[in-house]
N, C-alpha and C. Protein backbone atom coordinates (compact mmCIF):
# COMPACT_ATOMS: atom_id res chain seq x y z
N SER A 1 54.22 64.89 68.21
CA SER A 1 55.57 65.39 68.34
C SER A 1 55.99 66.20 67.13
N SER A 2 55.33 65.97 65.99
CA SER A 2 55.68 66.75 64.82
C SER A 2 55.22 68.19 64.95
N GLY A 3 54.23 68.45 65.81
CA GLY A 3 53.77 69.80 66.05
C GLY A 3 54.82 70.64 66.75
N ILE A 4 55.57 70.03 67.64
CA ILE A 4 56.63 70.77 68.34
C ILE A 4 57.71 71.17 67.35
N ASN A 5 58.10 70.28 66.49
CA ASN A 5 59.13 70.60 65.51
C ASN A 5 58.66 71.69 64.55
N ALA A 6 57.39 71.71 64.27
CA ALA A 6 56.86 72.73 63.37
C ALA A 6 56.89 74.09 64.05
N GLU A 7 56.64 74.15 65.36
CA GLU A 7 56.63 75.42 66.07
C GLU A 7 58.05 75.92 66.35
N TRP A 8 58.97 75.03 66.61
CA TRP A 8 60.34 75.39 66.96
C TRP A 8 61.31 74.75 65.96
N PRO A 9 61.34 75.30 64.79
CA PRO A 9 62.24 74.70 63.80
C PRO A 9 63.70 74.95 64.20
N LEU A 10 64.50 73.92 64.15
CA LEU A 10 65.91 74.04 64.49
C LEU A 10 66.73 74.25 63.23
N ARG A 11 67.66 75.14 63.33
CA ARG A 11 68.56 75.35 62.21
C ARG A 11 69.61 74.25 62.23
N PRO A 12 70.16 73.91 61.13
CA PRO A 12 71.22 72.90 61.12
C PRO A 12 72.41 73.40 61.94
N GLY A 13 72.85 72.60 62.87
CA GLY A 13 73.98 72.98 63.72
C GLY A 13 73.61 73.91 64.85
N GLY A 14 72.37 74.26 64.98
CA GLY A 14 71.93 75.18 66.03
C GLY A 14 72.15 74.62 67.43
N TYR A 15 71.87 73.35 67.59
CA TYR A 15 72.05 72.73 68.90
C TYR A 15 73.54 72.71 69.27
N ASP A 16 74.38 72.39 68.31
CA ASP A 16 75.82 72.37 68.56
C ASP A 16 76.33 73.76 68.94
N ALA A 17 75.83 74.77 68.24
CA ALA A 17 76.22 76.14 68.55
C ALA A 17 75.77 76.52 69.95
N PHE A 18 74.56 76.10 70.33
CA PHE A 18 74.05 76.38 71.67
C PHE A 18 74.92 75.72 72.73
N ILE A 19 75.29 74.48 72.53
CA ILE A 19 76.12 73.75 73.49
C ILE A 19 77.50 74.44 73.60
N GLU A 20 78.05 74.86 72.46
CA GLU A 20 79.34 75.55 72.48
C GLU A 20 79.25 76.87 73.23
N LEU A 21 78.19 77.64 72.98
CA LEU A 21 78.00 78.91 73.70
C LEU A 21 77.84 78.69 75.20
N GLN A 22 77.09 77.66 75.54
CA GLN A 22 76.87 77.36 76.96
C GLN A 22 78.20 76.97 77.62
N SER A 23 79.03 76.20 76.92
CA SER A 23 80.34 75.82 77.44
C SER A 23 81.24 77.04 77.58
N ASN A 24 81.24 77.91 76.58
CA ASN A 24 82.05 79.12 76.63
C ASN A 24 81.62 80.04 77.77
N LEU A 25 80.30 80.13 77.98
CA LEU A 25 79.78 80.95 79.07
C LEU A 25 80.23 80.40 80.42
N ALA A 26 80.18 79.10 80.60
CA ALA A 26 80.62 78.48 81.86
C ALA A 26 82.11 78.72 82.07
N GLU A 27 82.90 78.58 80.99
CA GLU A 27 84.34 78.80 81.09
C GLU A 27 84.66 80.26 81.42
N GLY A 28 83.96 81.18 80.78
CA GLY A 28 84.16 82.61 81.05
C GLY A 28 83.78 82.97 82.47
N THR A 29 82.68 82.43 82.95
CA THR A 29 82.24 82.69 84.32
C THR A 29 83.27 82.18 85.31
N LYS A 30 83.80 80.96 85.06
CA LYS A 30 84.82 80.40 85.94
C LYS A 30 86.07 81.29 85.93
N PHE A 31 86.49 81.74 84.75
CA PHE A 31 87.67 82.61 84.62
C PHE A 31 87.50 83.89 85.43
N TYR A 32 86.38 84.57 85.26
CA TYR A 32 86.18 85.85 85.94
C TYR A 32 85.98 85.68 87.44
N ASN A 33 85.41 84.56 87.87
CA ASN A 33 85.31 84.31 89.32
C ASN A 33 86.70 84.11 89.91
N ASN A 34 87.56 83.35 89.21
CA ASN A 34 88.94 83.17 89.69
C ASN A 34 89.70 84.48 89.66
N LEU A 35 89.51 85.28 88.61
CA LEU A 35 90.18 86.57 88.51
C LEU A 35 89.76 87.49 89.65
N THR A 36 88.50 87.47 90.00
CA THR A 36 88.00 88.30 91.10
C THR A 36 88.68 87.91 92.41
N LYS A 37 88.85 86.61 92.64
CA LYS A 37 89.53 86.16 93.87
C LYS A 37 90.98 86.64 93.88
N ILE A 38 91.66 86.51 92.75
CA ILE A 38 93.06 86.93 92.66
C ILE A 38 93.18 88.44 92.89
N LEU A 39 92.31 89.21 92.25
CA LEU A 39 92.39 90.67 92.38
C LEU A 39 92.04 91.13 93.79
N THR A 40 91.12 90.45 94.44
CA THR A 40 90.77 90.80 95.81
C THR A 40 91.96 90.56 96.74
N THR A 41 92.64 89.44 96.54
CA THR A 41 93.84 89.15 97.33
C THR A 41 94.92 90.18 97.05
N TYR A 42 95.13 90.49 95.79
CA TYR A 42 96.14 91.48 95.40
C TYR A 42 95.82 92.84 96.00
N GLN A 43 94.55 93.23 95.95
CA GLN A 43 94.15 94.53 96.51
C GLN A 43 94.43 94.57 98.01
N THR A 44 94.20 93.48 98.71
CA THR A 44 94.48 93.42 100.14
C THR A 44 95.98 93.60 100.40
N HIS A 45 96.81 92.93 99.59
CA HIS A 45 98.26 93.06 99.75
C HIS A 45 98.72 94.49 99.46
N VAL A 46 98.18 95.10 98.44
CA VAL A 46 98.55 96.47 98.09
C VAL A 46 98.13 97.43 99.21
N ASN A 47 96.93 97.25 99.73
CA ASN A 47 96.46 98.11 100.83
C ASN A 47 97.35 97.96 102.06
N ASP A 48 97.78 96.72 102.36
CA ASP A 48 98.68 96.49 103.49
C ASP A 48 100.02 97.18 103.25
N PHE A 49 100.54 97.08 102.03
CA PHE A 49 101.82 97.71 101.69
C PHE A 49 101.72 99.23 101.84
N VAL A 50 100.64 99.81 101.33
CA VAL A 50 100.46 101.27 101.41
C VAL A 50 100.36 101.70 102.87
N LEU A 51 99.64 100.97 103.67
CA LEU A 51 99.51 101.31 105.09
C LEU A 51 100.87 101.22 105.79
N ALA A 52 101.65 100.19 105.47
CA ALA A 52 102.98 100.05 106.08
C ALA A 52 103.88 101.22 105.68
N ARG A 53 103.85 101.63 104.42
CA ARG A 53 104.69 102.75 103.99
C ARG A 53 104.22 104.05 104.64
N LYS A 54 102.91 104.25 104.80
CA LYS A 54 102.40 105.45 105.45
C LYS A 54 102.84 105.49 106.92
N THR A 55 102.75 104.36 107.59
CA THR A 55 103.19 104.28 108.98
C THR A 55 104.68 104.56 109.08
N GLU A 56 105.45 103.98 108.15
CA GLU A 56 106.90 104.21 108.13
C GLU A 56 107.21 105.68 107.90
N LYS A 57 106.49 106.32 106.98
CA LYS A 57 106.69 107.75 106.70
C LYS A 57 106.39 108.58 107.94
N ASP A 58 105.28 108.28 108.61
CA ASP A 58 104.91 109.03 109.81
C ASP A 58 105.98 108.90 110.89
N ASP A 59 106.48 107.67 111.08
CA ASP A 59 107.53 107.46 112.08
C ASP A 59 108.80 108.23 111.73
N LEU A 60 109.18 108.20 110.45
CA LEU A 60 110.38 108.93 110.03
C LEU A 60 110.19 110.44 110.18
N MET A 61 109.00 110.94 109.87
CA MET A 61 108.74 112.38 110.03
C MET A 61 108.83 112.79 111.50
N LYS A 62 108.27 111.98 112.39
CA LYS A 62 108.36 112.28 113.82
C LYS A 62 109.81 112.28 114.29
N SER A 63 110.56 111.29 113.84
CA SER A 63 111.96 111.20 114.23
C SER A 63 112.75 112.39 113.70
N LEU A 64 112.52 112.76 112.46
CA LEU A 64 113.21 113.90 111.85
C LEU A 64 112.86 115.20 112.56
N GLN A 65 111.58 115.39 112.86
CA GLN A 65 111.16 116.62 113.53
C GLN A 65 111.73 116.71 114.94
N SER A 66 111.76 115.58 115.65
CA SER A 66 112.30 115.63 117.01
C SER A 66 113.81 115.87 116.99
N SER A 67 114.51 115.31 116.00
CA SER A 67 115.96 115.55 115.94
C SER A 67 116.25 116.99 115.52
N MET A 68 115.43 117.56 114.67
CA MET A 68 115.62 118.95 114.27
C MET A 68 115.30 119.91 115.42
N ALA A 69 114.29 119.56 116.21
CA ALA A 69 113.90 120.43 117.32
C ALA A 69 114.96 120.43 118.42
N SER A 70 115.69 119.33 118.58
CA SER A 70 116.67 119.27 119.65
C SER A 70 118.00 119.89 119.26
N LYS A 71 118.24 120.14 117.99
CA LYS A 71 119.51 120.73 117.55
C LYS A 71 119.48 122.24 117.68
N GLN A 72 120.67 122.80 117.95
CA GLN A 72 120.82 124.25 117.97
C GLN A 72 120.98 124.72 116.53
N PRO A 73 120.51 125.91 116.22
CA PRO A 73 120.72 126.40 114.86
C PRO A 73 122.21 126.55 114.59
N PRO A 74 122.64 126.32 113.38
CA PRO A 74 124.07 126.40 113.08
C PRO A 74 124.57 127.85 113.19
N THR A 75 125.83 127.98 113.59
CA THR A 75 126.43 129.32 113.67
C THR A 75 126.76 129.78 112.27
N ARG A 76 126.90 131.08 112.15
CA ARG A 76 127.19 131.65 110.83
C ARG A 76 128.62 131.28 110.45
N PRO A 77 128.81 130.71 109.27
CA PRO A 77 130.17 130.32 108.89
C PRO A 77 131.02 131.54 108.60
N GLU A 78 132.31 131.38 108.83
CA GLU A 78 133.27 132.44 108.54
C GLU A 78 133.41 132.55 107.02
N PRO A 79 133.65 133.78 106.53
CA PRO A 79 133.87 133.91 105.08
C PRO A 79 135.16 133.20 104.68
N PRO A 80 135.24 132.74 103.45
CA PRO A 80 136.45 132.05 103.00
C PRO A 80 137.68 132.96 103.11
N GLN A 81 138.85 132.34 103.24
CA GLN A 81 140.10 133.07 103.43
C GLN A 81 140.41 134.01 102.26
N PHE A 82 140.14 133.61 101.04
CA PHE A 82 140.47 134.46 99.90
C PHE A 82 139.67 135.76 99.91
N HIS A 83 138.51 135.79 100.56
CA HIS A 83 137.75 137.04 100.67
C HIS A 83 138.40 137.97 101.69
N GLN A 84 138.96 137.39 102.72
CA GLN A 84 139.58 138.21 103.75
C GLN A 84 140.93 138.76 103.31
N GLN A 85 141.67 138.04 102.43
CA GLN A 85 143.00 138.46 102.03
C GLN A 85 142.98 139.39 100.83
N ALA A 86 141.92 139.40 100.05
CA ALA A 86 141.87 140.23 98.85
C ALA A 86 141.84 141.70 99.23
N ALA A 87 142.51 142.51 98.43
CA ALA A 87 142.52 143.94 98.67
C ALA A 87 141.16 144.51 98.30
N PRO A 88 140.61 145.39 99.12
CA PRO A 88 139.30 145.96 98.80
C PRO A 88 139.42 146.94 97.65
N SER A 89 139.15 146.47 96.47
CA SER A 89 139.23 147.32 95.28
C SER A 89 137.85 147.37 94.66
N SER A 90 137.41 148.58 94.35
CA SER A 90 136.09 148.71 93.76
C SER A 90 136.14 148.69 92.24
N ALA A 91 137.33 148.80 91.64
CA ALA A 91 137.43 148.81 90.18
C ALA A 91 137.52 147.37 89.69
N PRO A 92 136.68 147.02 88.73
CA PRO A 92 136.74 145.65 88.21
C PRO A 92 138.01 145.46 87.38
N GLN A 93 138.54 144.26 87.40
CA GLN A 93 139.72 143.96 86.62
C GLN A 93 139.31 143.51 85.24
N ALA A 94 140.11 143.90 84.23
CA ALA A 94 139.81 143.52 82.86
C ALA A 94 140.26 142.08 82.64
N ALA A 95 139.53 141.41 81.79
CA ALA A 95 139.88 140.03 81.45
C ALA A 95 141.08 140.04 80.55
N PRO A 96 141.98 139.04 80.66
CA PRO A 96 143.16 139.01 79.79
C PRO A 96 142.74 138.80 78.34
N VAL A 97 143.49 139.43 77.42
CA VAL A 97 143.21 139.36 75.99
C VAL A 97 144.02 138.22 75.42
N VAL A 98 143.36 137.33 74.70
CA VAL A 98 144.03 136.20 74.08
C VAL A 98 144.13 136.50 72.60
N GLN A 99 145.37 136.46 72.07
CA GLN A 99 145.56 136.75 70.65
C GLN A 99 145.60 135.44 69.89
N GLN A 100 144.92 135.46 68.78
CA GLN A 100 144.93 134.27 67.94
C GLN A 100 145.91 134.47 66.81
N THR A 101 146.63 133.43 66.44
CA THR A 101 147.62 133.54 65.37
C THR A 101 147.15 132.93 64.09
């Protein structure tokens, strides 16, 4: 048995470090497996939400297009009253001069 120890010399604390690394690896693996499950579920919910919004958009676009197609184009509005009452003058009016005291 002393031949094995001679071939594989152990450093002081090496076994403890190995056990700690093995424990950390198991904990990390468990964490990332759980994270993968959570992210997969989240991705499914996001995809469902996006599909619902796309379907809603398509329905609203169809409704908007059909309501626009059934309407008559608007008639041309009458010009405002102040345009009709103003005297047709081609000379521009000067701005009032304000004197400062």
